């Protein structure tokens, strides 16, 4: 019996969850920490990935008789290569310009890259980019207490 990509991906996800669950056992927690601390985040992520993997397996089994479309439609490899290049540019730009300048610009660029055949307006894209940047900033700086890059030009 030939397995669908969904089923294979779900199985790989569950195997990955088992590996990361084992690896997360080595995370040390300070003795006087009152909050859940650094050990909670991996468990939340592992749980979400495991649920998604099980859902993929169920979907793959239910739709096993349905013919699968090609994984990459025409031009798909080029589009993925372009998106990867944009991520590399974002990472390099963040080192130079910092998180607060590059993230909104990158978010707008990713919105336009992922729009497909849909029409996207600039003003809602900018508003979304600012909200995403503010949310990520708050999550990392206040939630995880991680310093975000200021950029070489602004240090």
Protein backbone atom coordinates (compact mmCIF):
# COMPACT_ATOMS: atom_id res chain seq x y z
CA UNK A 1 0.00 0.00 0.00
CA UNK A 2 1.35 3.39 -0.99
CA UNK A 3 1.26 6.04 1.77
CA UNK A 4 0.24 9.60 1.07
CA UNK A 5 2.58 12.49 1.80
CA UNK A 6 0.29 13.57 4.66
CA UNK A 7 0.69 10.22 6.38
CA UNK A 8 4.47 10.20 5.90
CA UNK A 9 4.74 13.77 7.21
CA UNK A 10 2.60 12.90 10.24
CA UNK A 11 4.74 9.88 11.07
CA UNK A 12 7.92 11.94 10.69
CA UNK A 13 6.38 14.60 12.96
CA UNK A 14 5.62 12.06 15.68
CA UNK A 15 9.14 10.63 15.46
CA UNK A 16 10.52 14.18 15.74
CA UNK A 17 8.29 14.85 18.75
CA UNK A 18 9.62 11.74 20.49
CA UNK A 19 13.20 12.83 19.80
CA UNK A 20 12.63 16.41 21.04
CA UNK A 21 10.70 15.19 24.09
CA UNK A 22 13.73 13.10 25.01
CA UNK A 23 16.10 16.02 24.30
CA UNK A 24 14.01 18.48 26.34
CA UNK A 25 14.57 16.43 29.49
CA UNK A 26 18.06 17.93 29.73
CA UNK A 27 16.86 21.56 30.06
CA UNK A 28 17.94 22.83 33.46
CA UNK A 29 15.71 25.14 35.47
CA UNK A 30 16.95 27.56 38.16
CA UNK A 31 16.03 26.42 41.67
CA UNK A 32 14.15 29.58 42.72
CA UNK A 33 12.11 30.01 39.56
CA UNK A 34 8.42 30.37 40.45
CA UNK A 35 6.99 30.43 36.94
CA UNK A 36 6.87 27.41 34.60
CA UNK A 37 10.13 28.64 33.14
CA UNK A 38 12.12 27.49 30.15
CA UNK A 39 10.93 23.89 30.37
CA UNK A 40 7.32 24.74 29.47
CA UNK A 41 7.90 26.14 25.97
CA UNK A 42 9.30 22.94 24.43
CA UNK A 43 6.44 20.89 25.88
CA UNK A 44 3.86 23.26 24.42
CA UNK A 45 5.57 23.14 21.02
CA UNK A 46 5.92 19.35 21.12
CA UNK A 47 2.23 18.97 22.03
CA UNK A 48 1.12 21.21 19.15
CA UNK A 49 3.35 19.41 16.66
CA UNK A 50 2.14 16.00 17.90
CA UNK A 51 -1.52 17.03 17.54
CA UNK A 52 -0.83 18.33 14.02
CA UNK A 53 1.01 15.13 13.14
CA UNK A 54 -1.85 12.94 14.30
CA UNK A 55 -4.28 15.09 12.30
CA UNK A 56 -2.09 14.65 9.20
CA UNK A 57 -1.99 10.89 9.68
CA UNK A 58 -5.79 10.76 10.01
CA UNK A 59 -6.21 12.96 6.92
CA UNK A 60 -3.78 10.81 4.94
CA UNK A 61 -5.58 7.61 5.88
CA UNK A 62 -9.02 9.05 5.12
CA UNK A 63 -7.95 10.37 1.70
CA UNK A 64 -5.74 7.46 0.66
CA UNK A 65 -7.90 6.74 -2.40
CA UNK A 66 -7.72 10.35 -3.66
CA UNK A 67 -5.06 11.02 -6.30
CA UNK A 68 -2.30 13.34 -5.06
CA UNK A 69 -1.26 16.42 -7.00
CA UNK A 70 2.44 17.08 -7.65
CA UNK A 71 4.22 18.47 -4.60
CA UNK A 72 5.65 21.44 -6.46
CA UNK A 73 3.36 23.06 -8.99
CA UNK A 74 4.93 24.72 -12.01
CA UNK A 75 7.42 27.31 -10.79
CA UNK A 76 7.20 26.10 -7.18
CA UNK A 77 10.92 25.44 -6.74
CA UNK A 78 11.71 28.94 -7.99
CA UNK A 79 9.19 30.46 -5.58
CA UNK A 80 10.59 28.53 -2.61
CA UNK A 81 14.15 29.50 -3.59
CA UNK A 82 13.05 33.15 -3.77
CA UNK A 83 11.42 32.93 -0.32
CA UNK A 84 14.56 31.33 1.12
CA UNK A 85 16.66 34.11 -0.38
CA UNK A 86 14.36 36.66 1.24
CA UNK A 87 14.88 34.97 4.63
CA UNK A 88 18.66 35.12 4.18
CA UNK A 89 18.46 38.82 3.26
CA UNK A 90 16.23 39.41 6.32
CA UNK A 91 18.76 37.73 8.61
CA UNK A 92 21.68 39.75 7.20
CA UNK A 93 19.69 43.00 7.29
CA UNK A 94 18.69 42.36 10.91
CA UNK A 95 22.36 42.23 11.87
CA UNK A 96 22.90 45.65 10.29
CA UNK A 97 19.62 47.47 10.90
CA UNK A 98 18.16 45.63 13.88
CA UNK A 99 14.83 43.94 14.55
CA UNK A 100 12.57 47.00 14.67
CA UNK A 101 13.51 48.26 11.20
CA UNK A 102 13.88 45.01 9.27
CA UNK A 103 10.90 43.06 10.61
CA UNK A 104 8.12 45.36 9.34
CA UNK A 105 9.84 45.67 5.96
CA UNK A 106 10.35 41.92 5.75
CA UNK A 107 6.73 41.27 6.77
CA UNK A 108 5.42 43.48 3.96
CA UNK A 109 7.80 41.76 1.53
CA UNK A 110 6.62 38.30 2.67
CA UNK A 111 2.97 39.34 2.37
CA UNK A 112 3.57 40.39 -1.23
CA UNK A 113 5.59 37.25 -1.91
CA UNK A 114 2.91 34.92 -0.53
CA UNK A 115 -0.11 36.71 -2.03
CA UNK A 116 -0.23 34.46 -5.10
CA UNK A 117 -2.88 35.74 -7.48
CA UNK A 118 -4.68 37.74 -4.76
CA UNK A 119 -4.67 41.52 -4.81
CA UNK A 120 -2.98 43.02 -1.75
CA UNK A 121 -3.28 46.65 -0.71
CA UNK A 122 -0.31 48.50 0.78
CA UNK A 123 -2.00 50.16 3.78
CA UNK A 124 -3.45 46.94 5.31
CA UNK A 125 -0.10 45.23 4.66
CA UNK A 126 1.75 47.96 6.55
CA UNK A 127 -0.74 47.81 9.44
CA UNK A 128 -0.36 44.02 9.63
CA UNK A 129 3.44 44.36 9.51
CA UNK A 130 3.47 46.87 12.37
CA UNK A 131 1.12 44.71 14.48
CA UNK A 132 3.17 41.56 13.81
CA UNK A 133 6.38 43.39 14.70
CA UNK A 134 4.86 44.77 17.92
CA UNK A 135 3.51 41.34 18.86
CA UNK A 136 6.83 39.61 18.22
CA UNK A 137 8.72 42.34 20.08
CA UNK A 138 6.44 42.05 23.10
CA UNK A 139 6.59 38.26 23.06
CA UNK A 140 10.39 38.07 22.91
CA UNK A 141 11.38 41.08 25.03
CA UNK A 142 8.72 40.90 27.75
CA UNK A 143 7.55 37.28 27.56
CA UNK A 144 10.78 35.39 26.89
CA UNK A 145 13.11 38.18 28.13
CA UNK A 146 15.31 37.85 25.06
CA UNK A 147 17.22 40.85 23.73
CA UNK A 148 16.52 41.43 20.06
CA UNK A 149 19.25 42.72 17.72
CA UNK A 150 19.66 46.50 17.65
CA UNK A 151 21.79 46.38 14.53
CA UNK A 152 25.42 47.26 14.03
CA UNK A 153 24.52 50.70 12.68
CA UNK A 154 22.56 51.67 15.82
CA UNK A 155 24.70 50.23 18.63
